[in-house]
Amino acid sequence: MLVIKRIQVLFHLKAPAAVRETVERVHGFYAQKCPVYRSIHTAIAITTAYEITEA
């Protein structure tokens, strides 16, 4: 039986350096707006991170 205990999400973003502050702000609250996250976060540990590549 497969049991999922944790999920790690890494976003690869292409954006100008000028939007870094916006990316950081949105990354801080987007999960609470995501229906998938809200459905499973109590049963499965979910971590997120992002990398910004200059566009």
C-alpha atoms as a PDB file:
ATOM      1  CA  MET A   1       0.000   0.000   0.000  1.00  0.00           C
ATOM      2  CA  LEU A   2       1.321   3.428  -0.956  1.00  0.00           C
ATOM      3  CA  VAL A   3       1.081   6.049   1.771  1.00  0.00           C
ATOM      4  CA  ILE A   4       1.938   9.654   0.936  1.00  0.00           C
ATOM      5  CA  LYS A   5       3.358  11.401   3.983  1.00  0.00           C
ATOM      6  CA  ARG A   6       4.787  14.565   2.473  1.00  0.00           C
ATOM      7  CA  ILE A   7       4.829  16.589  -0.735  1.00  0.00           C
ATOM      8  CA  GLN A   8       7.565  19.015  -1.727  1.00  0.00           C
ATOM      9  CA  VAL A   9       6.696  21.615  -4.371  1.00  0.00           C
ATOM     10  CA  LEU A  10       9.376  23.634  -6.162  1.00  0.00           C
ATOM     11  CA  PHE A  11       8.263  26.416  -8.478  1.00  0.00           C
ATOM     12  CA  HIS A  12      10.616  27.376 -11.323  1.00  0.00           C
ATOM     13  CA  LEU A  13       9.720  30.963 -12.240  1.00  0.00           C
ATOM     14  CA  LYS A  14      11.036  33.096 -15.083  1.00  0.00           C
ATOM     15  CA  ALA A  15      10.572  36.706 -14.121  1.00  0.00           C
ATOM     16  CA  PRO A  16      12.475  39.988 -13.966  1.00  0.00           C
ATOM     17  CA  ALA A  17      14.269  40.764 -10.709  1.00  0.00           C
ATOM     18  CA  ALA A  18      11.895  43.674 -10.134  1.00  0.00           C
ATOM     19  CA  VAL A  19       9.047  41.307  -9.218  1.00  0.00           C
ATOM     20  CA  ARG A  20      10.943  39.347  -6.551  1.00  0.00           C
ATOM     21  CA  GLU A  21       9.134  41.163  -3.735  1.00  0.00           C
ATOM     22  CA  THR A  22       5.762  40.314  -5.295  1.00  0.00           C
ATOM     23  CA  VAL A  23       6.744  36.651  -5.689  1.00  0.00           C
ATOM     24  CA  GLU A  24       7.772  36.489  -2.022  1.00  0.00           C
ATOM     25  CA  ARG A  25       4.511  38.096  -0.893  1.00  0.00           C
ATOM     26  CA  VAL A  26       2.301  35.828  -3.011  1.00  0.00           C
ATOM     27  CA  HIS A  27       4.274  32.717  -2.030  1.00  0.00           C
ATOM     28  CA  GLY A  28       3.446  33.527   1.587  1.00  0.00           C
ATOM     29  CA  PHE A  29      -0.332  33.264   1.191  1.00  0.00           C
ATOM     30  CA  TYR A  30      -1.244  31.425  -2.026  1.00  0.00           C
ATOM     31  CA  ALA A  31      -1.579  27.999  -0.345  1.00  0.00           C
ATOM     32  CA  GLN A  32      -4.552  29.105   1.733  1.00  0.00           C
ATOM     33  CA  LYS A  33      -6.333  30.021  -1.516  1.00  0.00           C
ATOM     34  CA  CYS A  34      -5.557  26.647  -3.177  1.00  0.00           C
ATOM     35  CA  PRO A  35      -8.390  24.097  -2.818  1.00  0.00           C
ATOM     36  CA  VAL A  36      -6.038  21.113  -3.200  1.00  0.00           C
ATOM     37  CA  TYR A  37      -3.740  22.362  -0.435  1.00  0.00           C
ATOM     38  CA  ARG A  38      -6.677  23.122   1.831  1.00  0.00           C
ATOM     39  CA  SER A  39      -8.081  19.630   1.274  1.00  0.00           C
ATOM     40  CA  ILE A  40      -4.947  17.663   2.129  1.00  0.00           C
ATOM     41  CA  HIS A  41      -2.649  19.798   4.302  1.00  0.00           C
ATOM     42  CA  THR A  42      -3.978  18.370   7.565  1.00  0.00           C
ATOM     43  CA  ALA A  43      -3.128  14.803   6.519  1.00  0.00           C
ATOM     44  CA  ILE A  44       0.006  15.336   4.384  1.00  0.00           C
ATOM     45  CA  ALA A  45       2.951  17.629   5.129  1.00  0.00           C
ATOM     46  CA  ILE A  46       3.362  20.059   2.220  1.00  0.00           C
ATOM     47  CA  THR A  47       6.378  22.323   1.749  1.00  0.00           C
ATOM     48  CA  THR A  48       6.915  24.823  -1.036  1.00  0.00           C
ATOM     49  CA  ALA A  49       9.865  26.753  -2.411  1.00  0.00           C
ATOM     50  CA  TYR A  50      10.650  28.746  -5.526  1.00  0.00           C
ATOM     51  CA  GLU A  51      13.540  29.606  -7.818  1.00  0.00           C
ATOM     52  CA  ILE A  52      13.486  32.764  -9.880  1.00  0.00           C
ATOM     53  CA  THR A  53      15.388  32.785 -13.162  1.00  0.00           C
ATOM     54  CA  GLU A  54      15.904  36.174 -14.799  1.00  0.00           C
ATOM     55  CA  ALA A  55      13.560  36.512 -17.764  1.00  0.00           C
END
